[in-house]
Amino acid sequence: MRNIWVLAKKEIESYFVSFVAYVILFFFLLLGGYYFYVYVYEVRDAARIMPYFLNFMGFISFLLTPFITMRLFSEEKKLGTIELLLTSPISESDIVNFWEPYCFI
């Protein structure tokens, strides 16, 4: 489990060094804030609109995920560390078990 924390920390630190992460985060929060305002303004009942809003934010996350992963994969290939990442002593089950407590489905 320690290995996955080291890799996750490295990836997050390297990602937030660049300007791309902030642009993607800005658009995610801008769209989320706008649609939350529109939903609350139209319906005026936050409890009723929350499922729709969370569904929309999940869809936006689904659309923005390729932007994040494409950059990370290209950066790994450019630096020549993709082989190190692919041959690291972390199995798929370690990754799934690491993220399992954070899944709400």
PDB file of N, CA and C in Angstrom:
ATOM      1  N   MET A   1       0.827  -1.197   0.000  1.00  0.00           N
ATOM      2  CA  MET A   1       0.000   0.000   0.000  1.00  0.00           C
ATOM      3  C   MET A   1       0.868   1.257   0.000  1.00  0.00           C
ATOM      4  N   ARG A   2       2.040   1.175   0.581  1.00  0.00           N
ATOM      5  CA  ARG A   2       2.938   2.330   0.610  1.00  0.00           C
ATOM      6  C   ARG A   2       3.378   2.703  -0.801  1.00  0.00           C
ATOM      7  N   ASN A   3       3.572   1.707  -1.655  1.00  0.00           N
ATOM      8  CA  ASN A   3       4.015   1.977  -3.024  1.00  0.00           C
ATOM      9  C   ASN A   3       3.007   2.820  -3.792  1.00  0.00           C
ATOM     10  N   ILE A   4       1.740   2.541  -3.588  1.00  0.00           N
ATOM     11  CA  ILE A   4       0.717   3.288  -4.318  1.00  0.00           C
ATOM     12  C   ILE A   4       0.660   4.740  -3.839  1.00  0.00           C
ATOM     13  N   TRP A   5       0.880   4.985  -2.544  1.00  0.00           N
ATOM     14  CA  TRP A   5       0.899   6.357  -2.040  1.00  0.00           C
ATOM     15  C   TRP A   5       2.059   7.144  -2.629  1.00  0.00           C
ATOM     16  N   VAL A   6       3.207   6.491  -2.772  1.00  0.00           N
ATOM     17  CA  VAL A   6       4.370   7.170  -3.347  1.00  0.00           C
ATOM     18  C   VAL A   6       4.098   7.548  -4.794  1.00  0.00           C
ATOM     19  N   LEU A   7       3.548   6.624  -5.572  1.00  0.00           N
ATOM     20  CA  LEU A   7       3.242   6.926  -6.977  1.00  0.00           C
ATOM     21  C   LEU A   7       2.159   7.990  -7.105  1.00  0.00           C
ATOM     22  N   ALA A   8       1.118   7.896  -6.294  1.00  0.00           N
ATOM     23  CA  ALA A   8       0.037   8.882  -6.365  1.00  0.00           C
ATOM     24  C   ALA A   8       0.549  10.272  -6.011  1.00  0.00           C
ATOM     25  N   LYS A   9       1.377  10.357  -4.986  1.00  0.00           N
ATOM     26  CA  LYS A   9       1.924  11.653  -4.585  1.00  0.00           C
ATOM     27  C   LYS A   9       2.800  12.240  -5.694  1.00  0.00           C
ATOM     28  N   LYS A  10       3.611  11.411  -6.317  1.00  0.00           N
ATOM     29  CA  LYS A  10       4.484  11.864  -7.416  1.00  0.00           C
ATOM     30  C   LYS A  10       3.658  12.390  -8.583  1.00  0.00           C
ATOM     31  N   GLU A  11       2.609  11.664  -8.942  1.00  0.00           N
ATOM     32  CA  GLU A  11       1.780  12.074 -10.071  1.00  0.00           C
ATOM     33  C   GLU A  11       1.034  13.373  -9.780  1.00  0.00           C
ATOM     34  N   ILE A  12       0.506  13.497  -8.599  1.00  0.00           N
ATOM     35  CA  ILE A  12      -0.245  14.713  -8.261  1.00  0.00           C
ATOM     36  C   ILE A  12       0.685  15.917  -8.194  1.00  0.00           C
ATOM     37  N   GLU A  13       1.852  15.745  -7.604  1.00  0.00           N
ATOM     38  CA  GLU A  13       2.798  16.851  -7.544  1.00  0.00           C
ATOM     39  C   GLU A  13       3.256  17.267  -8.939  1.00  0.00           C
ATOM     40  N   SER A  14       3.549  16.300  -9.795  1.00  0.00           N
ATOM     41  CA  SER A  14       4.006  16.644 -11.143  1.00  0.00           C
ATOM     42  C   SER A  14       2.881  17.269 -11.960  1.00  0.00           C
ATOM     43  N   TYR A  15       1.665  16.900 -11.666  1.00  0.00           N
ATOM     44  CA  TYR A  15       0.544  17.439 -12.434  1.00  0.00           C
ATOM     45  C   TYR A  15       0.262  18.889 -12.067  1.00  0.00           C
ATOM     46  N   PHE A  16       0.332  19.221 -10.796  1.00  0.00           N
ATOM     47  CA  PHE A  16       0.000  20.583 -10.378  1.00  0.00           C
ATOM     48  C   PHE A  16       1.170  21.551 -10.504  1.00  0.00           C
ATOM     49  N   VAL A  17       2.279  21.104 -11.059  1.00  0.00           N
ATOM     50  CA  VAL A  17       3.368  22.020 -11.379  1.00  0.00           C
ATOM     51  C   VAL A  17       3.026  22.793 -12.650  1.00  0.00           C
ATOM     52  N   SER A  18       2.310  22.145 -13.551  1.00  0.00           N
ATOM     53  CA  SER A  18       1.992  22.781 -14.836  1.00  0.00           C
ATOM     54  C   SER A  18       0.716  23.610 -14.739  1.00  0.00           C
ATOM     55  N   PHE A  19       0.501  24.390 -15.764  1.00  0.00           N
ATOM     56  CA  PHE A  19      -0.656  25.282 -15.841  1.00  0.00           C
ATOM     57  C   PHE A  19      -1.920  24.538 -16.264  1.00  0.00           C
ATOM     58  N   VAL A  20      -1.763  23.375 -16.899  1.00  0.00           N
ATOM     59  CA  VAL A  20      -2.890  22.617 -17.438  1.00  0.00           C
ATOM     60  C   VAL A  20      -3.854  22.195 -16.340  1.00  0.00           C
ATOM     61  N   ALA A  21      -3.333  21.762 -15.218  1.00  0.00           N
ATOM     62  CA  ALA A  21      -4.199  21.312 -14.125  1.00  0.00           C
ATOM     63  C   ALA A  21      -5.099  22.434 -13.628  1.00  0.00           C
ATOM     64  N   TYR A  22      -4.554  23.605 -13.547  1.00  0.00           N
ATOM     65  CA  TYR A  22      -5.348  24.730 -13.068  1.00  0.00           C
ATOM     66  C   TYR A  22      -6.414  25.148 -14.078  1.00  0.00           C
ATOM     67  N   VAL A  23      -6.110  25.048 -15.348  1.00  0.00           N
ATOM     68  CA  VAL A  23      -7.098  25.379 -16.387  1.00  0.00           C
ATOM     69  C   VAL A  23      -8.241  24.373 -16.346  1.00  0.00           C
ATOM     70  N   ILE A  24      -7.925  23.083 -16.268  1.00  0.00           N
ATOM     71  CA  ILE A  24      -8.964  22.052 -16.216  1.00  0.00           C
ATOM     72  C   ILE A  24      -9.799  22.194 -14.948  1.00  0.00           C
ATOM     73  N   LEU A  25      -9.142  22.444 -13.825  1.00  0.00           N
ATOM     74  CA  LEU A  25      -9.859  22.637 -12.566  1.00  0.00           C
ATOM     75  C   LEU A  25     -10.752  23.873 -12.625  1.00  0.00           C
ATOM     76  N   PHE A  26     -10.270  24.928 -13.254  1.00  0.00           N
ATOM     77  CA  PHE A  26     -11.057  26.148 -13.409  1.00  0.00           C
ATOM     78  C   PHE A  26     -12.334  25.880 -14.202  1.00  0.00           C
ATOM     79  N   PHE A  27     -12.200  25.184 -15.339  1.00  0.00           N
ATOM     80  CA  PHE A  27     -13.383  24.897 -16.152  1.00  0.00           C
ATOM     81  C   PHE A  27     -14.350  23.958 -15.441  1.00  0.00           C
ATOM     82  N   PHE A  28     -13.820  22.991 -14.715  1.00  0.00           N
ATOM     83  CA  PHE A  28     -14.674  22.077 -13.961  1.00  0.00           C
ATOM     84  C   PHE A  28     -15.484  22.842 -12.909  1.00  0.00           C
ATOM     85  N   LEU A  29     -14.818  23.696 -12.156  1.00  0.00           N
ATOM     86  CA  LEU A  29     -15.514  24.463 -11.121  1.00  0.00           C
ATOM     87  C   LEU A  29     -16.433  25.528 -11.722  1.00  0.00           C
ATOM     88  N   LEU A  30     -16.034  26.117 -12.834  1.00  0.00           N
ATOM     89  CA  LEU A  30     -16.886  27.108 -13.493  1.00  0.00           C
ATOM     90  C   LEU A  30     -18.184  26.477 -13.979  1.00  0.00           C
ATOM     91  N   LEU A  31     -18.081  25.355 -14.675  1.00  0.00           N
ATOM     92  CA  LEU A  31     -19.289  24.668 -15.141  1.00  0.00           C
ATOM     93  C   LEU A  31     -20.142  24.181 -13.980  1.00  0.00           C
ATOM     94  N   GLY A  32     -19.492  23.629 -12.971  1.00  0.00           N
ATOM     95  CA  GLY A  32     -20.239  23.151 -11.811  1.00  0.00           C
ATOM     96  C   GLY A  32     -20.957  24.270 -11.079  1.00  0.00           C
ATOM     97  N   GLY A  33     -20.284  25.386 -10.887  1.00  0.00           N
ATOM     98  CA  GLY A  33     -20.906  26.526 -10.215  1.00  0.00           C
ATOM     99  C   GLY A  33     -22.042  27.121 -11.020  1.00  0.00           C
ATOM    100  N   TYR A  34     -21.843  27.225 -12.332  1.00  0.00           N
ATOM    101  CA  TYR A  34     -22.889  27.783 -13.185  1.00  0.00           C
ATOM    102  C   TYR A  34     -24.139  26.909 -13.161  1.00  0.00           C
ATOM    103  N   TYR A  35     -23.961  25.615 -13.355  1.00  0.00           N
ATOM    104  CA  TYR A  35     -25.130  24.742 -13.397  1.00  0.00           C
ATOM    105  C   TYR A  35     -25.786  24.595 -12.033  1.00  0.00           C
ATOM    106  N   PHE A  36     -25.014  24.656 -10.977  1.00  0.00           N
ATOM    107  CA  PHE A  36     -25.624  24.636  -9.653  1.00  0.00           C
ATOM    108  C   PHE A  36     -26.460  25.887  -9.440  1.00  0.00           C
ATOM    109  N   TYR A  37     -25.943  27.033  -9.848  1.00  0.00           N
ATOM    110  CA  TYR A  37     -26.701  28.272  -9.722  1.00  0.00           C
ATOM    111  C   TYR A  37     -27.982  28.217 -10.550  1.00  0.00           C
ATOM    112  N   VAL A  38     -27.883  27.728 -11.785  1.00  0.00           N
ATOM    113  CA  VAL A  38     -29.059  27.641 -12.651  1.00  0.00           C
ATOM    114  C   VAL A  38     -30.083  26.682 -12.072  1.00  0.00           C
ATOM    115  N   TYR A  39     -29.634  25.525 -11.618  1.00  0.00           N
ATOM    116  CA  TYR A  39     -30.569  24.560 -11.036  1.00  0.00           C
ATOM    117  C   TYR A  39     -31.245  25.126  -9.793  1.00  0.00           C
ATOM    118  N   VAL A  40     -30.480  25.749  -8.912  1.00  0.00           N
ATOM    119  CA  VAL A  40     -31.075  26.290  -7.682  1.00  0.00           C
ATOM    120  C   VAL A  40     -31.981  27.468  -8.011  1.00  0.00           C
ATOM    121  N   TYR A  41     -31.598  28.293  -8.969  1.00  0.00           N
ATOM    122  CA  TYR A  41     -32.412  29.440  -9.335  1.00  0.00           C
ATOM    123  C   TYR A  41     -33.738  28.997  -9.950  1.00  0.00           C
ATOM    124  N   GLU A  42     -33.706  27.968 -10.777  1.00  0.00           N
ATOM    125  CA  GLU A  42     -34.917  27.486 -11.432  1.00  0.00           C
ATOM    126  C   GLU A  42     -35.817  26.711 -10.475  1.00  0.00           C
ATOM    127  N   VAL A  43     -35.252  25.815  -9.699  1.00  0.00           N
ATOM    128  CA  VAL A  43     -36.052  24.905  -8.881  1.00  0.00           C
ATOM    129  C   VAL A  43     -36.265  25.442  -7.474  1.00  0.00           C
ATOM    130  N   ARG A  44     -35.277  26.109  -6.912  1.00  0.00           N
ATOM    131  CA  ARG A  44     -35.313  26.660  -5.560  1.00  0.00           C
ATOM    132  C   ARG A  44     -35.478  25.592  -4.480  1.00  0.00           C
ATOM    133  N   ASP A  45     -35.080  24.385  -4.790  1.00  0.00           N
ATOM    134  CA  ASP A  45     -35.115  23.305  -3.808  1.00  0.00           C
ATOM    135  C   ASP A  45     -33.874  22.440  -4.046  1.00  0.00           C
ATOM    136  N   ALA A  46     -32.840  22.681  -3.252  1.00  0.00           N
ATOM    137  CA  ALA A  46     -31.554  22.021  -3.487  1.00  0.00           C
ATOM    138  C   ALA A  46     -31.646  20.506  -3.324  1.00  0.00           C
ATOM    139  N   ALA A  47     -32.510  20.037  -2.439  1.00  0.00           N
ATOM    140  CA  ALA A  47     -32.625  18.592  -2.223  1.00  0.00           C
ATOM    141  C   ALA A  47     -33.179  17.884  -3.461  1.00  0.00           C
ATOM    142  N   ARG A  48     -34.055  18.545  -4.189  1.00  0.00           N
ATOM    143  CA  ARG A  48     -34.617  17.940  -5.400  1.00  0.00           C
ATOM    144  C   ARG A  48     -33.660  17.932  -6.570  1.00  0.00           C
ATOM    145  N   ILE A  49     -32.804  18.942  -6.655  1.00  0.00           N
ATOM    146  CA  ILE A  49     -31.929  19.034  -7.826  1.00  0.00           C
ATOM    147  C   ILE A  49     -30.589  18.340  -7.630  1.00  0.00           C
ATOM    148  N   MET A  50     -30.247  17.946  -6.415  1.00  0.00           N
ATOM    149  CA  MET A  50     -28.930  17.357  -6.174  1.00  0.00           C
ATOM    150  C   MET A  50     -28.646  16.123  -7.026  1.00  0.00           C
ATOM    151  N   PRO A  51     -29.568  15.191  -7.191  1.00  0.00           N
ATOM    152  CA  PRO A  51     -29.253  14.052  -8.060  1.00  0.00           C
ATOM    153  C   PRO A  51     -28.933  14.469  -9.495  1.00  0.00           C
ATOM    154  N   TYR A  52     -29.647  15.454 -10.026  1.00  0.00           N
ATOM    155  CA  TYR A  52     -29.384  15.931 -11.379  1.00  0.00           C
ATOM    156  C   TYR A  52     -28.030  16.634 -11.463  1.00  0.00           C
ATOM    157  N   PHE A  53     -27.745  17.435 -10.453  1.00  0.00           N
ATOM    158  CA  PHE A  53     -26.474  18.151 -10.427  1.00  0.00           C
ATOM    159  C   PHE A  53     -25.298  17.183 -10.315  1.00  0.00           C
ATOM    160  N   LEU A  54     -25.388  16.213  -9.434  1.00  0.00           N
ATOM    161  CA  LEU A  54     -24.300  15.242  -9.281  1.00  0.00           C
ATOM    162  C   LEU A  54     -24.147  14.384 -10.529  1.00  0.00           C
ATOM    163  N   ASN A  55     -25.249  14.089 -11.190  1.00  0.00           N
ATOM    164  CA  ASN A  55     -25.184  13.367 -12.455  1.00  0.00           C
ATOM    165  C   ASN A  55     -24.447  14.200 -13.509  1.00  0.00           C
ATOM    166  N   PHE A  56     -24.760  15.475 -13.571  1.00  0.00           N
ATOM    167  CA  PHE A  56     -24.089  16.365 -14.508  1.00  0.00           C
ATOM    168  C   PHE A  56     -22.601  16.482 -14.201  1.00  0.00           C
ATOM    169  N   MET A  57     -22.245  16.613 -12.918  1.00  0.00           N
ATOM    170  CA  MET A  57     -20.831  16.733 -12.554  1.00  0.00           C
ATOM    171  C   MET A  57     -20.075  15.443 -12.854  1.00  0.00           C
ATOM    172  N   GLY A  58     -20.728  14.311 -12.696  1.00  0.00           N
ATOM    173  CA  GLY A  58     -20.101  13.051 -13.080  1.00  0.00           C
ATOM    174  C   GLY A  58     -19.842  12.999 -14.574  1.00  0.00           C
ATOM    175  N   PHE A  59     -20.771  13.504 -15.354  1.00  0.00           N
ATOM    176  CA  PHE A  59     -20.596  13.553 -16.807  1.00  0.00           C
ATOM    177  C   PHE A  59     -19.450  14.484 -17.189  1.00  0.00           C
ATOM    178  N   ILE A  60     -19.360  15.630 -16.550  1.00  0.00           N
ATOM    179  CA  ILE A  60     -18.269  16.564 -16.821  1.00  0.00           C
ATOM    180  C   ILE A  60     -16.931  15.940 -16.418  1.00  0.00           C
ATOM    181  N   SER A  61     -16.899  15.231 -15.307  1.00  0.00           N
ATOM    182  CA  SER A  61     -15.675  14.536 -14.897  1.00  0.00           C
ATOM    183  C   SER A  61     -15.287  13.493 -15.931  1.00  0.00           C
ATOM    184  N   PHE A  62     -16.287  12.804 -16.463  1.00  0.00           N
ATOM    185  CA  PHE A  62     -16.048  11.802 -17.498  1.00  0.00           C
ATOM    186  C   PHE A  62     -15.437  12.441 -18.745  1.00  0.00           C
ATOM    187  N   LEU A  63     -15.873  13.645 -19.085  1.00  0.00           N
ATOM    188  CA  LEU A  63     -15.335  14.328 -20.256  1.00  0.00           C
ATOM    189  C   LEU A  63     -13.944  14.904 -20.020  1.00  0.00           C
ATOM    190  N   LEU A  64     -13.644  15.348 -18.798  1.00  0.00           N
ATOM    191  CA  LEU A  64     -12.355  15.967 -18.516  1.00  0.00           C
ATOM    192  C   LEU A  64     -11.260  14.952 -18.186  1.00  0.00           C
ATOM    193  N   THR A  65     -11.613  13.732 -17.852  1.00  0.00           N
ATOM    194  CA  THR A  65     -10.616  12.719 -17.501  1.00  0.00           C
ATOM    195  C   THR A  65      -9.626  12.443 -18.625  1.00  0.00           C
ATOM    196  N   PRO A  66     -10.026  12.348 -19.879  1.00  0.00           N
ATOM    197  CA  PRO A  66      -9.020  12.131 -20.934  1.00  0.00           C
ATOM    198  C   PRO A  66      -7.979  13.248 -21.030  1.00  0.00           C
ATOM    199  N   PHE A  67      -8.359  14.484 -20.749  1.00  0.00           N
ATOM    200  CA  PHE A  67      -7.385  15.569 -20.782  1.00  0.00           C
ATOM    201  C   PHE A  67      -6.292  15.350 -19.742  1.00  0.00           C
ATOM    202  N   ILE A  68      -6.691  14.874 -18.577  1.00  0.00           N
ATOM    203  CA  ILE A  68      -5.727  14.632 -17.510  1.00  0.00           C
ATOM    204  C   ILE A  68      -4.840  13.438 -17.840  1.00  0.00           C
ATOM    205  N   THR A  69      -5.442  12.348 -18.263  1.00  0.00           N
ATOM    206  CA  THR A  69      -4.662  11.133 -18.493  1.00  0.00           C
ATOM    207  C   THR A  69      -3.788  11.236 -19.735  1.00  0.00           C
ATOM    208  N   MET A  70      -4.243  11.912 -20.776  1.00  0.00           N
ATOM    209  CA  MET A  70      -3.411  12.055 -21.973  1.00  0.00           C
ATOM    210  C   MET A  70      -2.132  12.804 -21.645  1.00  0.00           C
ATOM    211  N   ARG A  71      -2.239  13.843 -20.851  1.00  0.00           N
ATOM    212  CA  ARG A  71      -1.057  14.600 -20.484  1.00  0.00           C
ATOM    213  C   ARG A  71      -0.115  13.756 -19.642  1.00  0.00           C
ATOM    214  N   LEU A  72      -0.648  12.999 -18.700  1.00  0.00           N
ATOM    215  CA  LEU A  72       0.208  12.179 -17.850  1.00  0.00           C
ATOM    216  C   LEU A  72       0.914  11.091 -18.644  1.00  0.00           C
ATOM    217  N   PHE A  73       0.213  10.442 -19.556  1.00  0.00           N
ATOM    218  CA  PHE A  73       0.843   9.406 -20.366  1.00  0.00           C
ATOM    219  C   PHE A  73       1.927   9.989 -21.279  1.00  0.00           C
ATOM    220  N   SER A  74       1.645  11.131 -21.898  1.00  0.00           N
ATOM    221  CA  SER A  74       2.648  11.725 -22.783  1.00  0.00           C
ATOM    222  C   SER A  74       3.869  12.191 -21.992  1.00  0.00           C
ATOM    223  N   GLU A  75       3.657  12.702 -20.802  1.00  0.00           N
ATOM    224  CA  GLU A  75       4.777  13.128 -19.963  1.00  0.00           C
ATOM    225  C   GLU A  75       5.636  11.937 -19.540  1.00  0.00           C
ATOM    226  N   GLU A  76       4.994  10.823 -19.198  1.00  0.00           N
ATOM    227  CA  GLU A  76       5.737   9.621 -18.835  1.00  0.00           C
ATOM    228  C   GLU A  76       6.548   9.103 -20.017  1.00  0.00           C
ATOM    229  N   LYS A  77       5.971   9.123 -21.209  1.00  0.00           N
ATOM    230  CA  LYS A  77       6.704   8.666 -22.398  1.00  0.00           C
ATOM    231  C   LYS A  77       7.859   9.596 -22.730  1.00  0.00           C
ATOM    232  N   LYS A  78       7.628  10.909 -22.587  1.00  0.00           N
ATOM    233  CA  LYS A  78       8.669  11.879 -22.904  1.00  0.00           C
ATOM    234  C   LYS A  78       9.867  11.737 -21.963  1.00  0.00           C
ATOM    235  N   LEU A  79       9.586  11.508 -20.681  1.00  0.00           N
ATOM    236  CA  LEU A  79      10.663  11.367 -19.704  1.00  0.00           C
ATOM    237  C   LEU A  79      11.291   9.975 -19.711  1.00  0.00           C
ATOM    238  N   GLY A  80      10.630   9.029 -20.364  1.00  0.00           N
ATOM    239  CA  GLY A  80      11.161   7.675 -20.405  1.00  0.00           C
ATOM    240  C   GLY A  80      10.884   6.875 -19.148  1.00  0.00           C
ATOM    241  N   THR A  81       9.928   7.324 -18.350  1.00  0.00           N
ATOM    242  CA  THR A  81       9.626   6.622 -17.102  1.00  0.00           C
ATOM    243  C   THR A  81       8.382   5.751 -17.207  1.00  0.00           C
ATOM    244  N   ILE A  82       7.813   5.628 -18.398  1.00  0.00           N
ATOM    245  CA  ILE A  82       6.618   4.795 -18.553  1.00  0.00           C
ATOM    246  C   ILE A  82       6.946   3.332 -18.277  1.00  0.00           C
ATOM    247  N   GLU A  83       8.151   2.905 -18.660  1.00  0.00           N
ATOM    248  CA  GLU A  83       8.542   1.524 -18.397  1.00  0.00           C
ATOM    249  C   GLU A  83       8.647   1.273 -16.898  1.00  0.00           C
ATOM    250  N   LEU A  84       9.185   2.251 -16.185  1.00  0.00           N
ATOM    251  CA  LEU A  84       9.295   2.121 -14.732  1.00  0.00           C
ATOM    252  C   LEU A  84       7.912   2.047 -14.091  1.00  0.00           C
ATOM    253  N   LEU A  85       6.997   2.853 -14.587  1.00  0.00           N
ATOM    254  CA  LEU A  85       5.638   2.853 -14.052  1.00  0.00           C
ATOM    255  C   LEU A  85       4.912   1.542 -14.355  1.00  0.00           C
ATOM    256  N   LEU A  86       5.089   1.055 -15.583  1.00  0.00           N
ATOM    257  CA  LEU A  86       4.400  -0.180 -15.973  1.00  0.00           C
ATOM    258  C   LEU A  86       4.983  -1.416 -15.301  1.00  0.00           C
ATOM    259  N   THR A  87       6.245  -1.370 -14.908  1.00  0.00           N
ATOM    260  CA  THR A  87       6.874  -2.527 -14.260  1.00  0.00           C
ATOM    261  C   THR A  87       7.015  -2.345 -12.762  1.00  0.00           C
ATOM    262  N   SER A  88       6.332  -1.359 -12.193  1.00  0.00           N
ATOM    263  CA  SER A  88       6.413  -1.140 -10.747  1.00  0.00           C
ATOM    264  C   SER A  88       5.759  -2.299 -10.006  1.00  0.00           C
ATOM    265  N   PRO A  89       6.153  -2.515  -8.749  1.00  0.00           N
ATOM    266  CA  PRO A  89       5.636  -3.667  -8.003  1.00  0.00           C
ATOM    267  C   PRO A  89       4.221  -3.471  -7.470  1.00  0.00           C
ATOM    268  N   ILE A  90       3.378  -2.809  -8.234  1.00  0.00           N
ATOM    269  CA  ILE A  90       1.990  -2.584  -7.831  1.00  0.00           C
ATOM    270  C   ILE A  90       1.100  -3.350  -8.797  1.00  0.00           C
ATOM    271  N   SER A  91       0.279  -4.209  -8.259  1.00  0.00           N
ATOM    272  CA  SER A  91      -0.626  -4.980  -9.107  1.00  0.00           C
ATOM    273  C   SER A  91      -1.948  -4.225  -9.275  1.00  0.00           C
ATOM    274  N   GLU A  92      -2.761  -4.709 -10.195  1.00  0.00           N
ATOM    275  CA  GLU A  92      -4.073  -4.078 -10.395  1.00  0.00           C
ATOM    276  C   GLU A  92      -4.940  -4.197  -9.149  1.00  0.00           C
ATOM    277  N   SER A  93      -4.796  -5.306  -8.439  1.00  0.00           N
ATOM    278  CA  SER A  93      -5.601  -5.482  -7.226  1.00  0.00           C
ATOM    279  C   SER A  93      -5.197  -4.473  -6.149  1.00  0.00           C
ATOM    280  N   ASP A  94      -3.913  -4.096  -6.081  1.00  0.00           N
ATOM    281  CA  ASP A  94      -3.499  -3.056  -5.138  1.00  0.00           C
ATOM    282  C   ASP A  94      -4.162  -1.725  -5.471  1.00  0.00           C
ATOM    283  N   ILE A  95      -4.237  -1.422  -6.748  1.00  0.00           N
ATOM    284  CA  ILE A  95      -4.856  -0.159  -7.164  1.00  0.00           C
ATOM    285  C   ILE A  95      -6.345  -0.168  -6.861  1.00  0.00           C
ATOM    286  N   VAL A  96      -7.017  -1.281  -7.148  1.00  0.00           N
ATOM    287  CA  VAL A  96      -8.449  -1.372  -6.875  1.00  0.00           C
ATOM    288  C   VAL A  96      -8.708  -1.321  -5.378  1.00  0.00           C
ATOM    289  N   ASN A  97      -7.922  -2.022  -4.604  1.00  0.00           N
ATOM    290  CA  ASN A  97      -8.105  -2.009  -3.150  1.00  0.00           C
ATOM    291  C   ASN A  97      -7.780  -0.651  -2.560  1.00  0.00           C
ATOM    292  N   PHE A  98      -6.881   0.098  -3.192  1.00  0.00           N
ATOM    293  CA  PHE A  98      -6.563   1.436  -2.713  1.00  0.00           C
ATOM    294  C   PHE A  98      -7.741   2.380  -2.910  1.00  0.00           C
ATOM    295  N   TRP A  99      -8.400   2.320  -4.066  1.00  0.00           N
ATOM    296  CA  TRP A  99      -9.479   3.254  -4.373  1.00  0.00           C
ATOM    297  C   TRP A  99     -10.836   2.778  -3.869  1.00  0.00           C
ATOM    298  N   GLU A 100     -10.940   1.547  -3.422  1.00  0.00           N
ATOM    299  CA  GLU A 100     -12.241   0.996  -3.024  1.00  0.00           C
ATOM    300  C   GLU A 100     -12.931   1.799  -1.914  1.00  0.00           C
ATOM    301  N   PRO A 101     -12.231   2.253  -0.865  1.00  0.00           N
ATOM    302  CA  PRO A 101     -12.948   3.031   0.160  1.00  0.00           C
ATOM    303  C   PRO A 101     -13.490   4.354  -0.332  1.00  0.00           C
ATOM    304  N   TYR A 102     -12.962   4.871  -1.456  1.00  0.00           N
ATOM    305  CA  TYR A 102     -13.397   6.152  -1.963  1.00  0.00           C
ATOM    306  C   TYR A 102     -14.544   6.053  -2.959  1.00  0.00           C
ATOM    307  N   CYS A 103     -14.936   4.852  -3.318  1.00  0.00           N
ATOM    308  CA  CYS A 103     -16.042   4.660  -4.251  1.00  0.00           C
ATOM    309  C   CYS A 103     -17.356   4.648  -3.480  1.00  0.00           C
ATOM    310  N   PHE A 104     -18.339   5.325  -4.002  1.00  0.00           N
ATOM    311  CA  PHE A 104     -19.629   5.424  -3.327  1.00  0.00           C
ATOM    312  C   PHE A 104     -20.705   4.610  -4.009  1.00  0.00           C
ATOM    313  N   ILE A 105     -20.343   3.862  -5.019  1.00  0.00           N
ATOM    314  CA  ILE A 105     -21.357   3.091  -5.763  1.00  0.00           C
ATOM    315  C   ILE A 105     -21.509   1.727  -5.143  1.00  0.00           C
TER     316      ILE A 105
END
